[in-house]
């Protein structure tokens, strides 16, 4: 429980530092005066010390993490590729709402936890735990150490398609990077998402091929038999399910998806 709270606290601080400069409200006990910028900066820097985080601020950080968690999970992990491929599979088999959305999302989430476990373990070991223990006193240093494993994961996925990264570097009007450290995180994330969408659509096309062949064979057979009023999907669906079961489709699909990240 303590480890979870520590991770949520640091992730909340990451989100606040990455998105916007924090602002805090005070109770007005006397007529308002013009705030001193240096005083405000000193207050914020003091609050970055984990020992000085109040219950109210921790609640704010927790709510921020809960709000940003879906976007962070979708955009910087393997979740996008998994859920898109599962959607293609269900459409190719024409099973309507089976498996239901809750099952597919849950499966994608747990596979994401499995795939990202080594990366987030490094985040905890190299950033969260040292920061909470006081071994790292500067928030900026903790942020850099914590974001590094996530950046390495995204770089590892896009290294086969560098044109995605080049596209966003060109749009941002940035010079050609000499090292991965020269690539801003704000450029790396959209390039990673574009790469994930490309790969998931390629896998979806491969998944469609055997089921499309079954549809074509069934439709041709029904036309040859003069049964044109019978929808081919009603006849082809059992054959698709049988084919998927006989080849152990879930084993092959999930195994290929997970291995594609290593």
C-alpha atoms as a PDB file:
ATOM      1  CA  UNK A   1       0.000   0.000   0.000  1.00  0.00           C
ATOM      2  CA  UNK A   2       2.835   2.396   0.911  1.00  0.00           C
ATOM      3  CA  UNK A   3       4.605   1.648  -2.364  1.00  0.00           C
ATOM      4  CA  UNK A   4       1.388   2.364  -4.324  1.00  0.00           C
ATOM      5  CA  UNK A   5       0.890   5.707  -2.535  1.00  0.00           C
ATOM      6  CA  UNK A   6       4.508   6.662  -3.233  1.00  0.00           C
ATOM      7  CA  UNK A   7       4.157   5.852  -6.937  1.00  0.00           C
ATOM      8  CA  UNK A   8       0.877   7.787  -7.193  1.00  0.00           C
ATOM      9  CA  UNK A   9       2.455  10.769  -5.439  1.00  0.00           C
ATOM     10  CA  UNK A  10       5.449  10.951  -7.790  1.00  0.00           C
ATOM     11  CA  UNK A  11       3.330  10.340 -10.888  1.00  0.00           C
ATOM     12  CA  UNK A  12       1.091  13.174  -9.810  1.00  0.00           C
ATOM     13  CA  UNK A  13       4.106  15.445  -9.468  1.00  0.00           C
ATOM     14  CA  UNK A  14       5.272  14.303 -12.907  1.00  0.00           C
ATOM     15  CA  UNK A  15       1.882  15.209 -14.398  1.00  0.00           C
ATOM     16  CA  UNK A  16       1.845  18.605 -12.732  1.00  0.00           C
ATOM     17  CA  UNK A  17       5.393  19.419 -13.891  1.00  0.00           C
ATOM     18  CA  UNK A  18       4.789  18.149 -17.437  1.00  0.00           C
ATOM     19  CA  UNK A  19       1.446  19.849 -18.132  1.00  0.00           C
ATOM     20  CA  UNK A  20       1.461  23.179 -16.331  1.00  0.00           C
ATOM     21  CA  UNK A  21       3.001  25.130 -13.531  1.00  0.00           C
ATOM     22  CA  UNK A  22       1.108  24.470 -10.290  1.00  0.00           C
ATOM     23  CA  UNK A  23      -0.982  27.119  -8.555  1.00  0.00           C
ATOM     24  CA  UNK A  24      -2.466  26.988  -5.121  1.00  0.00           C
ATOM     25  CA  UNK A  25      -5.233  28.898  -3.384  1.00  0.00           C
ATOM     26  CA  UNK A  26      -4.942  30.595  -0.020  1.00  0.00           C
ATOM     27  CA  UNK A  27      -7.553  31.806   2.410  1.00  0.00           C
ATOM     28  CA  UNK A  28      -7.683  35.593   2.424  1.00  0.00           C
ATOM     29  CA  UNK A  29      -7.228  36.758   6.012  1.00  0.00           C
ATOM     30  CA  UNK A  30      -6.473  40.354   5.058  1.00  0.00           C
ATOM     31  CA  UNK A  31      -6.956  42.654   2.053  1.00  0.00           C
ATOM     32  CA  UNK A  32      -5.375  41.109  -1.059  1.00  0.00           C
ATOM     33  CA  UNK A  33      -1.924  42.271  -2.061  1.00  0.00           C
ATOM     34  CA  UNK A  34       0.168  41.765  -5.150  1.00  0.00           C
ATOM     35  CA  UNK A  35       1.947  38.387  -4.805  1.00  0.00           C
ATOM     36  CA  UNK A  36       5.719  38.210  -4.840  1.00  0.00           C
ATOM     37  CA  UNK A  37       6.857  35.981  -7.711  1.00  0.00           C
ATOM     38  CA  UNK A  38      10.005  34.876  -5.903  1.00  0.00           C
ATOM     39  CA  UNK A  39       8.033  34.005  -2.788  1.00  0.00           C
ATOM     40  CA  UNK A  40       5.596  31.903  -4.808  1.00  0.00           C
ATOM     41  CA  UNK A  41       8.479  30.082  -6.510  1.00  0.00           C
ATOM     42  CA  UNK A  42      10.097  29.335  -3.139  1.00  0.00           C
ATOM     43  CA  UNK A  43       6.786  27.968  -1.839  1.00  0.00           C
ATOM     44  CA  UNK A  44       6.354  25.661  -4.830  1.00  0.00           C
ATOM     45  CA  UNK A  45       9.922  24.391  -4.612  1.00  0.00           C
ATOM     46  CA  UNK A  46       9.410  23.655  -0.939  1.00  0.00           C
ATOM     47  CA  UNK A  47       6.282  21.649  -1.685  1.00  0.00           C
ATOM     48  CA  UNK A  48       8.261  19.456  -4.069  1.00  0.00           C
ATOM     49  CA  UNK A  49       9.963  17.965  -1.022  1.00  0.00           C
ATOM     50  CA  UNK A  50       8.036  14.740  -0.260  1.00  0.00           C
ATOM     51  CA  UNK A  51       8.250  15.397   3.485  1.00  0.00           C
ATOM     52  CA  UNK A  52       6.283  18.636   3.120  1.00  0.00           C
ATOM     53  CA  UNK A  53       3.353  17.313   1.064  1.00  0.00           C
ATOM     54  CA  UNK A  54       0.168  17.951   3.003  1.00  0.00           C
ATOM     55  CA  UNK A  55      -2.945  15.784   2.976  1.00  0.00           C
ATOM     56  CA  UNK A  56      -4.798  18.334   0.858  1.00  0.00           C
ATOM     57  CA  UNK A  57      -2.016  18.470  -1.714  1.00  0.00           C
ATOM     58  CA  UNK A  58      -1.731  14.686  -1.760  1.00  0.00           C
ATOM     59  CA  UNK A  59      -5.483  14.469  -2.462  1.00  0.00           C
ATOM     60  CA  UNK A  60      -5.032  16.931  -5.309  1.00  0.00           C
ATOM     61  CA  UNK A  61      -2.142  14.876  -6.704  1.00  0.00           C
ATOM     62  CA  UNK A  62      -4.152  11.660  -6.425  1.00  0.00           C
ATOM     63  CA  UNK A  63      -7.119  13.172  -8.286  1.00  0.00           C
ATOM     64  CA  UNK A  64      -4.754  14.467 -10.966  1.00  0.00           C
ATOM     65  CA  UNK A  65      -3.239  11.009 -11.417  1.00  0.00           C
ATOM     66  CA  UNK A  66      -6.678   9.391 -11.652  1.00  0.00           C
ATOM     67  CA  UNK A  67      -7.717  11.944 -14.281  1.00  0.00           C
ATOM     68  CA  UNK A  68      -4.591  11.530 -16.409  1.00  0.00           C
ATOM     69  CA  UNK A  69      -4.093   7.789 -15.888  1.00  0.00           C
ATOM     70  CA  UNK A  70      -6.196   6.668 -18.913  1.00  0.00           C
ATOM     71  CA  UNK A  71      -4.337   9.024 -21.274  1.00  0.00           C
ATOM     72  CA  UNK A  72      -0.944   8.040 -19.853  1.00  0.00           C
ATOM     73  CA  UNK A  73      -1.807   4.348 -20.098  1.00  0.00           C
ATOM     74  CA  UNK A  74      -3.055   4.584 -23.690  1.00  0.00           C
ATOM     75  CA  UNK A  75      -0.349   6.884 -25.057  1.00  0.00           C
ATOM     76  CA  UNK A  76       2.864   5.603 -23.525  1.00  0.00           C
ATOM     77  CA  UNK A  77       2.314   1.850 -23.164  1.00  0.00           C
ATOM     78  CA  UNK A  78       1.421  -1.203 -25.224  1.00  0.00           C
ATOM     79  CA  UNK A  79      -2.318  -0.771 -24.631  1.00  0.00           C
ATOM     80  CA  UNK A  80      -3.037   0.925 -27.980  1.00  0.00           C
ATOM     81  CA  UNK A  81      -1.653  -1.893 -30.108  1.00  0.00           C
ATOM     82  CA  UNK A  82      -3.383  -4.577 -28.053  1.00  0.00           C
ATOM     83  CA  UNK A  83      -6.881  -3.094 -27.998  1.00  0.00           C
ATOM     84  CA  UNK A  84      -6.855  -2.157 -31.700  1.00  0.00           C
ATOM     85  CA  UNK A  85      -5.779  -5.679 -32.724  1.00  0.00           C
ATOM     86  CA  UNK A  86      -8.453  -7.231 -30.499  1.00  0.00           C
ATOM     87  CA  UNK A  87     -11.027  -4.987 -32.170  1.00  0.00           C
ATOM     88  CA  UNK A  88      -9.897  -6.135 -35.608  1.00  0.00           C
ATOM     89  CA  UNK A  89     -10.147  -9.757 -34.504  1.00  0.00           C
ATOM     90  CA  UNK A  90     -13.734  -9.377 -33.326  1.00  0.00           C
ATOM     91  CA  UNK A  91     -14.752  -7.620 -36.545  1.00  0.00           C
ATOM     92  CA  UNK A  92     -13.009 -10.212 -38.718  1.00  0.00           C
ATOM     93  CA  UNK A  93     -14.834 -13.042 -36.963  1.00  0.00           C
ATOM     94  CA  UNK A  94     -18.145 -11.082 -37.136  1.00  0.00           C
ATOM     95  CA  UNK A  95     -19.079 -12.213 -33.631  1.00  0.00           C
ATOM     96  CA  UNK A  96     -20.827  -8.882 -32.893  1.00  0.00           C
ATOM     97  CA  UNK A  97     -20.317  -8.194 -29.170  1.00  0.00           C
ATOM     98  CA  UNK A  98     -18.546 -11.406 -28.261  1.00  0.00           C
ATOM     99  CA  UNK A  99     -16.151 -11.109 -26.522  1.00  0.00           C
ATOM    100  CA  UNK A 100     -17.719  -8.016 -24.943  1.00  0.00           C
ATOM    101  CA  UNK A 101     -15.839  -4.739 -24.645  1.00  0.00           C
ATOM    102  CA  UNK A 102     -15.213  -5.223 -20.920  1.00  0.00           C
ATOM    103  CA  UNK A 103     -13.428  -8.521 -21.566  1.00  0.00           C
ATOM    104  CA  UNK A 104     -11.252  -7.134 -24.364  1.00  0.00           C
ATOM    105  CA  UNK A 105     -10.324  -4.010 -22.395  1.00  0.00           C
ATOM    106  CA  UNK A 106      -9.577  -6.076 -19.288  1.00  0.00           C
ATOM    107  CA  UNK A 107      -7.417  -8.502 -21.273  1.00  0.00           C
ATOM    108  CA  UNK A 108      -5.553  -5.611 -22.891  1.00  0.00           C
ATOM    109  CA  UNK A 109      -5.019  -3.967 -19.490  1.00  0.00           C
ATOM    110  CA  UNK A 110      -3.553  -7.055 -17.829  1.00  0.00           C
ATOM    111  CA  UNK A 111      -1.341  -7.759 -20.844  1.00  0.00           C
ATOM    112  CA  UNK A 112      -0.200  -4.137 -20.655  1.00  0.00           C
ATOM    113  CA  UNK A 113       0.682  -4.598 -16.972  1.00  0.00           C
ATOM    114  CA  UNK A 114       2.656  -7.718 -17.901  1.00  0.00           C
ATOM    115  CA  UNK A 115       4.527  -6.048 -20.777  1.00  0.00           C
ATOM    116  CA  UNK A 116       5.232  -2.802 -18.925  1.00  0.00           C
ATOM    117  CA  UNK A 117       6.152  -4.412 -15.575  1.00  0.00           C
ATOM    118  CA  UNK A 118       9.947  -4.356 -16.174  1.00  0.00           C
ATOM    119  CA  UNK A 119       9.804  -0.733 -17.328  1.00  0.00           C
ATOM    120  CA  UNK A 120       7.774   0.531 -14.380  1.00  0.00           C
ATOM    121  CA  UNK A 121       9.848  -1.522 -11.969  1.00  0.00           C
ATOM    122  CA  UNK A 122      12.855   0.447 -13.199  1.00  0.00           C
ATOM    123  CA  UNK A 123      10.897   3.680 -12.713  1.00  0.00           C
ATOM    124  CA  UNK A 124      10.226   2.743  -9.108  1.00  0.00           C
ATOM    125  CA  UNK A 125      13.747   1.514  -8.363  1.00  0.00           C
ATOM    126  CA  UNK A 126      15.573   4.407 -10.048  1.00  0.00           C
ATOM    127  CA  UNK A 127      13.239   7.319  -9.300  1.00  0.00           C
ATOM    128  CA  UNK A 128      10.305   6.795  -6.929  1.00  0.00           C
ATOM    129  CA  UNK A 129      12.061   4.923  -4.128  1.00  0.00           C
ATOM    130  CA  UNK A 130      15.210   7.118  -4.055  1.00  0.00           C
ATOM    131  CA  UNK A 131      13.071  10.271  -4.105  1.00  0.00           C
ATOM    132  CA  UNK A 132      10.849   9.110  -1.246  1.00  0.00           C
ATOM    133  CA  UNK A 133      13.878   7.957   0.768  1.00  0.00           C
ATOM    134  CA  UNK A 134      15.574  11.315   0.317  1.00  0.00           C
ATOM    135  CA  UNK A 135      18.462   9.954  -1.754  1.00  0.00           C
ATOM    136  CA  UNK A 136      17.283  12.260  -4.549  1.00  0.00           C
ATOM    137  CA  UNK A 137      16.382  15.719  -3.282  1.00  0.00           C
ATOM    138  CA  UNK A 138      15.692  17.544  -6.548  1.00  0.00           C
ATOM    139  CA  UNK A 139      12.346  16.905  -8.205  1.00  0.00           C
ATOM    140  CA  UNK A 140      13.803  17.580 -11.658  1.00  0.00           C
ATOM    141  CA  UNK A 141      16.375  14.824 -11.147  1.00  0.00           C
ATOM    142  CA  UNK A 142      13.677  12.380 -10.013  1.00  0.00           C
ATOM    143  CA  UNK A 143      11.587  13.292 -13.047  1.00  0.00           C
ATOM    144  CA  UNK A 144      14.470  12.723 -15.465  1.00  0.00           C
ATOM    145  CA  UNK A 145      15.327   9.357 -13.918  1.00  0.00           C
ATOM    146  CA  UNK A 146      11.681   8.308 -13.876  1.00  0.00           C
ATOM    147  CA  UNK A 147      10.890   9.251 -17.465  1.00  0.00           C
ATOM    148  CA  UNK A 148      14.065   7.653 -18.871  1.00  0.00           C
ATOM    149  CA  UNK A 149      12.851   3.977 -18.804  1.00  0.00           C
ATOM    150  CA  UNK A 150       9.548   4.978 -20.424  1.00  0.00           C
ATOM    151  CA  UNK A 151      11.389   6.872 -23.160  1.00  0.00           C
ATOM    152  CA  UNK A 152      13.642   3.863 -23.743  1.00  0.00           C
ATOM    153  CA  UNK A 153      10.571   1.651 -24.183  1.00  0.00           C
ATOM    154  CA  UNK A 154       9.058   4.028 -26.747  1.00  0.00           C
ATOM    155  CA  UNK A 155      12.361   4.430 -28.607  1.00  0.00           C
ATOM    156  CA  UNK A 156      12.704   0.643 -28.787  1.00  0.00           C
ATOM    157  CA  UNK A 157       9.316   0.385 -30.507  1.00  0.00           C
ATOM    158  CA  UNK A 158       9.873   3.120 -33.096  1.00  0.00           C
ATOM    159  CA  UNK A 159      13.458   2.260 -34.031  1.00  0.00           C
ATOM    160  CA  UNK A 160      12.215   0.207 -37.018  1.00  0.00           C
ATOM    161  CA  UNK A 161      10.098   3.123 -38.298  1.00  0.00           C
ATOM    162  CA  UNK A 162      12.195   6.251 -37.752  1.00  0.00           C
ATOM    163  CA  UNK A 163      10.118   8.163 -40.298  1.00  0.00           C
ATOM    164  CA  UNK A 164       7.430   8.656 -37.647  1.00  0.00           C
ATOM    165  CA  UNK A 165       9.878  10.458 -35.401  1.00  0.00           C
ATOM    166  CA  UNK A 166      11.288  12.422 -38.329  1.00  0.00           C
ATOM    167  CA  UNK A 167       7.770  13.587 -39.240  1.00  0.00           C
ATOM    168  CA  UNK A 168       7.075  15.154 -35.857  1.00  0.00           C
ATOM    169  CA  UNK A 169      10.593  16.578 -35.589  1.00  0.00           C
ATOM    170  CA  UNK A 170       9.962  18.312 -38.921  1.00  0.00           C
ATOM    171  CA  UNK A 171       6.543  19.572 -37.824  1.00  0.00           C
ATOM    172  CA  UNK A 172       8.044  20.933 -34.609  1.00  0.00           C
ATOM    173  CA  UNK A 173      10.804  22.582 -36.692  1.00  0.00           C
ATOM    174  CA  UNK A 174      13.549  20.923 -34.679  1.00  0.00           C
ATOM    175  CA  UNK A 175      17.014  19.999 -35.891  1.00  0.00           C
ATOM    176  CA  UNK A 176      17.984  16.419 -36.623  1.00  0.00           C
ATOM    177  CA  UNK A 177      18.790  14.797 -33.248  1.00  0.00           C
ATOM    178  CA  UNK A 178      22.238  13.338 -32.676  1.00  0.00           C
ATOM    179  CA  UNK A 179      21.230  11.252 -29.658  1.00  0.00           C
ATOM    180  CA  UNK A 180      17.901  10.063 -28.180  1.00  0.00           C
ATOM    181  CA  UNK A 181      18.304  12.678 -25.431  1.00  0.00           C
ATOM    182  CA  UNK A 182      17.897  15.388 -28.082  1.00  0.00           C
ATOM    183  CA  UNK A 183      14.324  14.242 -28.799  1.00  0.00           C
ATOM    184  CA  UNK A 184      11.735  15.991 -26.591  1.00  0.00           C
ATOM    185  CA  UNK A 185       9.167  13.799 -24.885  1.00  0.00           C
ATOM    186  CA  UNK A 186       6.388  15.872 -26.466  1.00  0.00           C
ATOM    187  CA  UNK A 187       7.684  14.760 -29.877  1.00  0.00           C
ATOM    188  CA  UNK A 188       8.433  11.178 -28.902  1.00  0.00           C
ATOM    189  CA  UNK A 189       4.924  10.376 -27.616  1.00  0.00           C
ATOM    190  CA  UNK A 190       2.957  11.218 -30.831  1.00  0.00           C
ATOM    191  CA  UNK A 191       5.607   9.423 -32.907  1.00  0.00           C
ATOM    192  CA  UNK A 192       5.199   6.366 -30.689  1.00  0.00           C
ATOM    193  CA  UNK A 193       1.396   6.481 -31.022  1.00  0.00           C
ATOM    194  CA  UNK A 194       1.609   6.742 -34.818  1.00  0.00           C
ATOM    195  CA  UNK A 195       3.956   3.752 -34.889  1.00  0.00           C
ATOM    196  CA  UNK A 196       1.599   1.730 -32.687  1.00  0.00           C
ATOM    197  CA  UNK A 197      -1.359   2.503 -34.968  1.00  0.00           C
ATOM    198  CA  UNK A 198       0.616   1.423 -38.044  1.00  0.00           C
ATOM    199  CA  UNK A 199       1.687  -1.874 -36.495  1.00  0.00           C
ATOM    200  CA  UNK A 200      -1.804  -2.641 -35.160  1.00  0.00           C
ATOM    201  CA  UNK A 201      -3.363  -2.074 -38.599  1.00  0.00           C
ATOM    202  CA  UNK A 202      -0.738  -4.310 -40.217  1.00  0.00           C
ATOM    203  CA  UNK A 203      -1.542  -7.073 -37.720  1.00  0.00           C
ATOM    204  CA  UNK A 204      -5.254  -6.479 -38.262  1.00  0.00           C
ATOM    205  CA  UNK A 205      -4.829  -6.997 -42.015  1.00  0.00           C
ATOM    206  CA  UNK A 206      -3.018 -10.286 -41.421  1.00  0.00           C
ATOM    207  CA  UNK A 207      -5.786 -11.420 -39.062  1.00  0.00           C
ATOM    208  CA  UNK A 208      -8.465 -10.588 -41.628  1.00  0.00           C
ATOM    209  CA  UNK A 209      -7.011 -12.750 -44.430  1.00  0.00           C
ATOM    210  CA  UNK A 210      -8.035 -16.288 -43.269  1.00  0.00           C
ATOM    211  CA  UNK A 211     -11.507 -15.147 -42.197  1.00  0.00           C
ATOM    212  CA  UNK A 212     -11.984 -13.291 -45.489  1.00  0.00           C
ATOM    213  CA  UNK A 213     -11.130 -16.469 -47.397  1.00  0.00           C
ATOM    214  CA  UNK A 214     -13.778 -18.372 -45.423  1.00  0.00           C
ATOM    215  CA  UNK A 215     -16.363 -15.673 -46.232  1.00  0.00           C
ATOM    216  CA  UNK A 216     -15.519 -15.845 -49.948  1.00  0.00           C
ATOM    217  CA  UNK A 217     -15.691 -19.654 -50.043  1.00  0.00           C
ATOM    218  CA  UNK A 218     -19.018 -19.733 -48.202  1.00  0.00           C
ATOM    219  CA  UNK A 219     -20.507 -16.968 -50.369  1.00  0.00           C
ATOM    220  CA  UNK A 220     -19.403 -18.731 -53.586  1.00  0.00           C
ATOM    221  CA  UNK A 221     -20.815 -22.054 -52.366  1.00  0.00           C
ATOM    222  CA  UNK A 222     -24.174 -20.513 -51.479  1.00  0.00           C
ATOM    223  CA  UNK A 223     -24.412 -18.818 -54.870  1.00  0.00           C
ATOM    224  CA  UNK A 224     -23.578 -22.078 -56.646  1.00  0.00           C
ATOM    225  CA  UNK A 225     -26.335 -23.795 -54.678  1.00  0.00           C
ATOM    226  CA  UNK A 226     -28.820 -21.044 -55.518  1.00  0.00           C
ATOM    227  CA  UNK A 227     -29.201 -20.037 -51.867  1.00  0.00           C
ATOM    228  CA  UNK A 228     -28.623 -16.332 -52.495  1.00  0.00           C
ATOM    229  CA  UNK A 229     -31.226 -15.262 -49.928  1.00  0.00           C
ATOM    230  CA  UNK A 230     -29.275 -16.829 -47.073  1.00  0.00           C
ATOM    231  CA  UNK A 231     -26.761 -14.344 -45.583  1.00  0.00           C
ATOM    232  CA  UNK A 232     -23.261 -15.866 -45.905  1.00  0.00           C
ATOM    233  CA  UNK A 233     -22.266 -14.533 -42.480  1.00  0.00           C
ATOM    234  CA  UNK A 234     -24.720 -16.911 -40.775  1.00  0.00           C
ATOM    235  CA  UNK A 235     -23.034 -19.886 -42.404  1.00  0.00           C
ATOM    236  CA  UNK A 236     -19.439 -18.705 -42.226  1.00  0.00           C
ATOM    237  CA  UNK A 237     -19.491 -17.770 -38.530  1.00  0.00           C
ATOM    238  CA  UNK A 238     -19.355 -21.363 -37.201  1.00  0.00           C
ATOM    239  CA  UNK A 239     -16.498 -22.168 -39.590  1.00  0.00           C
ATOM    240  CA  UNK A 240     -14.557 -19.102 -38.390  1.00  0.00           C
ATOM    241  CA  UNK A 241     -14.995 -20.108 -34.761  1.00  0.00           C
ATOM    242  CA  UNK A 242     -13.960 -23.699 -35.504  1.00  0.00           C
ATOM    243  CA  UNK A 243     -10.868 -22.519 -37.397  1.00  0.00           C
ATOM    244  CA  UNK A 244      -9.899 -20.150 -34.581  1.00  0.00           C
ATOM    245  CA  UNK A 245     -10.310 -22.885 -31.963  1.00  0.00           C
ATOM    246  CA  UNK A 246      -8.480 -25.573 -33.956  1.00  0.00           C
ATOM    247  CA  UNK A 247      -5.382 -23.412 -34.524  1.00  0.00           C
ATOM    248  CA  UNK A 248      -5.474 -22.201 -30.879  1.00  0.00           C
ATOM    249  CA  UNK A 249      -5.959 -18.643 -32.063  1.00  0.00           C
ATOM    250  CA  UNK A 250      -5.763 -16.899 -28.694  1.00  0.00           C
ATOM    251  CA  UNK A 251      -2.446 -18.557 -27.943  1.00  0.00           C
ATOM    252  CA  UNK A 252      -0.980 -17.549 -31.296  1.00  0.00           C
ATOM    253  CA  UNK A 253      -2.406 -14.035 -31.262  1.00  0.00           C
ATOM    254  CA  UNK A 254      -1.467 -13.064 -27.698  1.00  0.00           C
ATOM    255  CA  UNK A 255       1.924 -14.752 -27.987  1.00  0.00           C
ATOM    256  CA  UNK A 256       2.709 -12.818 -31.173  1.00  0.00           C
ATOM    257  CA  UNK A 257       1.478  -9.527 -29.685  1.00  0.00           C
ATOM    258  CA  UNK A 258       3.501  -9.828 -26.493  1.00  0.00           C
ATOM    259  CA  UNK A 259       6.657 -10.943 -28.326  1.00  0.00           C
ATOM    260  CA  UNK A 260       6.333  -7.989 -30.716  1.00  0.00           C
ATOM    261  CA  UNK A 261       7.306  -5.656 -27.841  1.00  0.00           C
ATOM    262  CA  UNK A 262      10.578  -7.447 -27.099  1.00  0.00           C
END
